[in-house]
Protein backbone atom coordinates (compact mmCIF):
# COMPACT_ATOMS: atom_id res chain seq x y z
CA MET A 1 149.17 4.56 177.03
CA ASP A 2 149.39 7.13 174.25
CA ARG A 3 151.96 9.86 174.89
CA ARG A 4 149.34 12.63 174.54
CA VAL A 5 147.11 10.89 177.08
CA GLN A 6 150.06 10.57 179.46
CA LYS A 7 150.93 14.27 179.10
CA THR A 8 147.34 15.31 179.74
CA ARG A 9 147.02 13.08 182.81
CA GLN A 10 150.34 14.41 184.09
CA ALA A 11 149.16 18.01 183.57
CA ILE A 12 145.98 17.24 185.53
CA PHE A 13 147.94 15.63 188.37
CA GLU A 14 150.38 18.55 188.53
CA ALA A 15 147.53 21.07 188.48
CA PHE A 16 145.84 19.19 191.33
CA ASP A 17 149.11 19.18 193.30
CA ARG A 18 149.50 22.94 192.90
CA LEU A 19 145.90 23.64 193.88
CA ILE A 20 145.84 21.36 196.92
CA ALA A 21 149.00 23.09 198.20
CA LYS A 22 147.11 26.42 198.14
CA ARG A 23 143.56 25.64 199.20
CA SER A 24 141.30 23.13 200.82
CA TYR A 25 140.14 20.10 198.85
CA SER A 26 136.49 21.06 199.29
CA LYS A 27 137.18 24.45 197.71
CA ILE A 28 138.73 22.93 194.58
CA SER A 29 136.35 22.22 191.72
CA VAL A 30 136.84 20.13 188.62
CA GLN A 31 136.75 23.40 186.68
CA ASN A 32 139.59 24.77 188.84
CA ILE A 33 141.67 21.70 188.09
CA ALA A 34 140.89 21.84 184.36
CA ASP A 35 141.75 25.56 184.22
CA GLU A 36 145.01 25.05 186.13
CA ALA A 37 145.95 22.14 183.84
CA ASN A 38 144.97 24.18 180.78
CA VAL A 39 142.56 21.50 179.56
CA GLY A 40 138.84 21.53 178.98
CA ARG A 41 136.41 20.26 181.58
CA SER A 42 135.34 17.48 179.22
CA THR A 43 139.00 16.47 178.87
CA PHE A 44 139.21 16.14 182.64
CA TYR A 45 136.17 13.83 182.57
CA GLU A 46 137.75 11.71 179.84
CA HIS A 47 140.45 10.84 182.38
CA PHE A 48 138.62 10.92 185.73
CA GLU A 49 134.94 10.59 186.63
CA THR A 50 135.23 12.82 189.70
CA LYS A 51 137.66 14.84 191.75
CA ASP A 52 137.64 12.01 194.33
CA GLU A 53 138.70 9.55 191.65
CA LEU A 54 141.60 11.86 190.76
CA LEU A 55 142.64 11.91 194.42
CA ARG A 56 142.35 8.11 194.71
CA GLN A 57 144.43 7.65 191.57
CA LYS A 58 147.05 10.10 192.86
CA CYS A 59 147.23 8.11 196.10
CA ALA A 60 147.34 4.78 194.25
CA ASP A 61 150.19 5.99 192.03
CA LEU A 62 152.10 7.36 195.01
CA PHE A 63 151.66 4.21 197.09
CA THR A 64 152.41 1.88 194.19
CA HIS A 65 155.70 3.68 193.75
CA ILE A 66 156.53 4.02 197.45
CA PHE A 67 155.75 0.41 198.27
CA ALA A 68 157.29 -1.08 195.10
CA PRO A 69 159.67 -3.92 195.92
CA HIS A 70 162.83 -2.12 194.78
CA GLY A 71 164.28 0.67 192.72
CA THR A 72 166.68 3.56 192.59
CA GLU A 73 165.33 6.93 193.53
CA LYS A 74 166.59 10.46 193.01
CA THR A 75 167.37 10.88 196.69
CA HIS A 76 167.96 7.32 197.90
CA GLY A 77 168.15 3.64 197.00
CA PHE A 78 165.81 0.85 198.01
CA SER A 79 165.54 -2.91 197.65
CA ASP A 80 163.63 -5.97 198.89
CA ASP A 81 166.48 -6.75 201.26
CA CYS A 82 165.90 -3.59 203.32
CA THR A 83 165.16 -3.75 207.00
CA PHE A 84 161.87 -2.42 208.33
CA GLY A 85 163.69 0.74 209.43
CA GLU A 86 165.13 1.29 205.96
CA LYS A 87 161.65 0.87 204.48
CA ILE A 88 160.33 3.52 206.89
CA VAL A 89 163.09 5.93 205.79
CA HIS A 90 162.28 5.16 202.14
CA ILE A 91 158.63 6.07 202.73
CA LEU A 92 159.66 9.27 204.50
CA TYR A 93 161.82 10.35 201.56
CA HIS A 94 158.83 9.98 199.24
CA LEU A 95 156.60 11.91 201.61
CA LEU A 96 159.24 14.63 201.80
CA ASP A 97 159.31 14.82 197.99
CA ASP A 98 155.51 15.34 198.01
CA LYS A 99 155.45 17.56 201.10
CA LEU A 100 153.28 20.38 199.71
CA PHE A 101 150.72 17.95 198.30
CA LEU A 102 150.59 15.99 201.56
CA LYS A 103 150.22 19.07 203.73
CA GLY A 104 147.28 20.14 201.59
CA ILE A 105 145.68 16.71 201.60
CA LEU A 106 146.10 16.10 205.33
CA SER A 107 144.83 19.54 206.31
CA GLY A 108 141.33 18.89 205.01
CA GLU A 109 138.57 16.35 204.65
CA SER A 110 140.42 14.71 201.75
CA GLY A 111 142.93 13.38 204.24
CA GLU A 112 140.64 10.49 205.09
CA ILE A 113 140.88 9.06 201.56
CA PHE A 114 144.67 9.35 201.64
CA LEU A 115 145.04 7.97 205.16
CA GLN A 116 142.83 4.93 204.51
CA ASP A 117 145.03 3.82 201.63
CA PHE A 118 148.23 4.71 203.48
CA ARG A 119 147.15 2.70 206.54
CA GLN A 120 146.35 -0.37 204.40
CA HIS A 121 149.75 -0.25 202.71
CA LEU A 122 151.56 0.21 206.03
CA ILE A 123 149.74 -2.73 207.62
CA LEU A 124 150.66 -4.96 204.69
CA MET A 125 154.30 -3.86 204.92
CA GLN A 126 154.33 -4.56 208.66
CA LYS A 127 152.86 -8.03 208.21
CA ASN A 128 155.76 -8.85 205.93
CA ALA A 129 158.30 -7.51 208.43
CA ALA A 130 157.75 -10.41 210.87
CA PHE A 131 157.75 -8.38 214.08
CA ALA A 132 157.80 -10.21 217.34
CA VAL A 133 154.33 -9.39 218.60
CA ARG A 134 154.03 -8.71 222.27
CA ASP A 135 151.13 -10.01 224.34
CA VAL A 136 148.53 -8.46 222.04
CA PRO A 137 146.68 -9.70 218.95
CA GLN A 138 148.57 -9.22 215.66
CA GLU A 139 145.70 -7.12 214.29
CA PHE A 140 145.99 -4.71 217.24
CA TRP A 141 149.76 -4.47 216.82
CA ASN A 142 149.49 -3.76 213.08
CA ASN A 143 146.85 -1.09 213.67
CA HIS A 144 148.91 0.49 216.45
CA LEU A 145 152.08 0.64 214.35
CA ALA A 146 150.29 2.10 211.33
CA GLY A 147 148.49 4.70 213.46
CA SER A 148 151.67 5.63 215.27
CA PHE A 149 153.57 6.07 212.00
CA ILE A 150 150.78 8.16 210.49
CA GLU A 151 150.80 10.46 213.53
CA THR A 152 154.60 10.65 213.31
CA VAL A 153 154.28 11.78 209.68
CA ARG A 154 151.65 14.38 210.62
CA TRP A 155 153.90 15.72 213.38
CA TRP A 156 156.86 15.88 211.00
CA LEU A 157 154.86 17.67 208.29
CA ALA A 158 153.49 20.16 210.84
CA ARG A 159 157.11 20.97 211.70
CA ASP A 160 157.81 21.51 207.98
CA CYS A 161 160.01 18.40 207.84
CA ARG A 162 162.85 19.99 209.82
CA GLU A 163 164.33 16.61 210.65
CA SER A 164 165.78 14.31 208.01
CA PRO A 165 163.95 11.12 207.05
CA GLU A 166 166.72 9.19 208.82
CA GLU A 167 166.14 11.10 212.06
CA ILE A 168 162.36 10.59 211.96
CA GLY A 169 162.87 6.91 211.15
CA ARG A 170 165.18 6.59 214.14
CA TYR A 171 162.69 8.38 216.43
CA PHE A 172 159.85 6.13 215.27
CA LEU A 173 161.82 2.91 215.65
CA SER A 174 163.08 3.87 219.11
CA VAL A 175 159.47 4.28 220.27
CA ILE A 176 158.05 1.08 218.77
CA LEU A 177 160.87 -1.39 219.35
């Protein structure tokens, strides 16, 4: 991708992040995003068809990075050889890094788009973790774990992430295992 295109997309993403931290998704217009990014409305539409597409792309980029097989992060390391608990902590670090964006997204109707994608990624991660399923169908167990983790994240964000990712990971694992 051309460097100018990358810079423009990045400016749009950053503008969206700033706006969603301040106001509800439904109250943000494409014009607001374009103004905040200091680009024209037509430039926005060259990159994204709609505001929803911008949100979906933001989620896709975030989840692609979070659920990548390995890598070194600013705040922590991560690899394929991690335990399920270490993967949970890895996810929590990323969510902490994007705390303001997530609080804005989850506080409004846009949360459904985010949570759908998040749930799908969590279920896939769980399937690869080879949990010993209790006397319930695997599909139920996967759904339960994903839902429980999502509610754990919501609780943590509502508390302004007072606990460390390691503490939240430990709380979550102690409840599900």
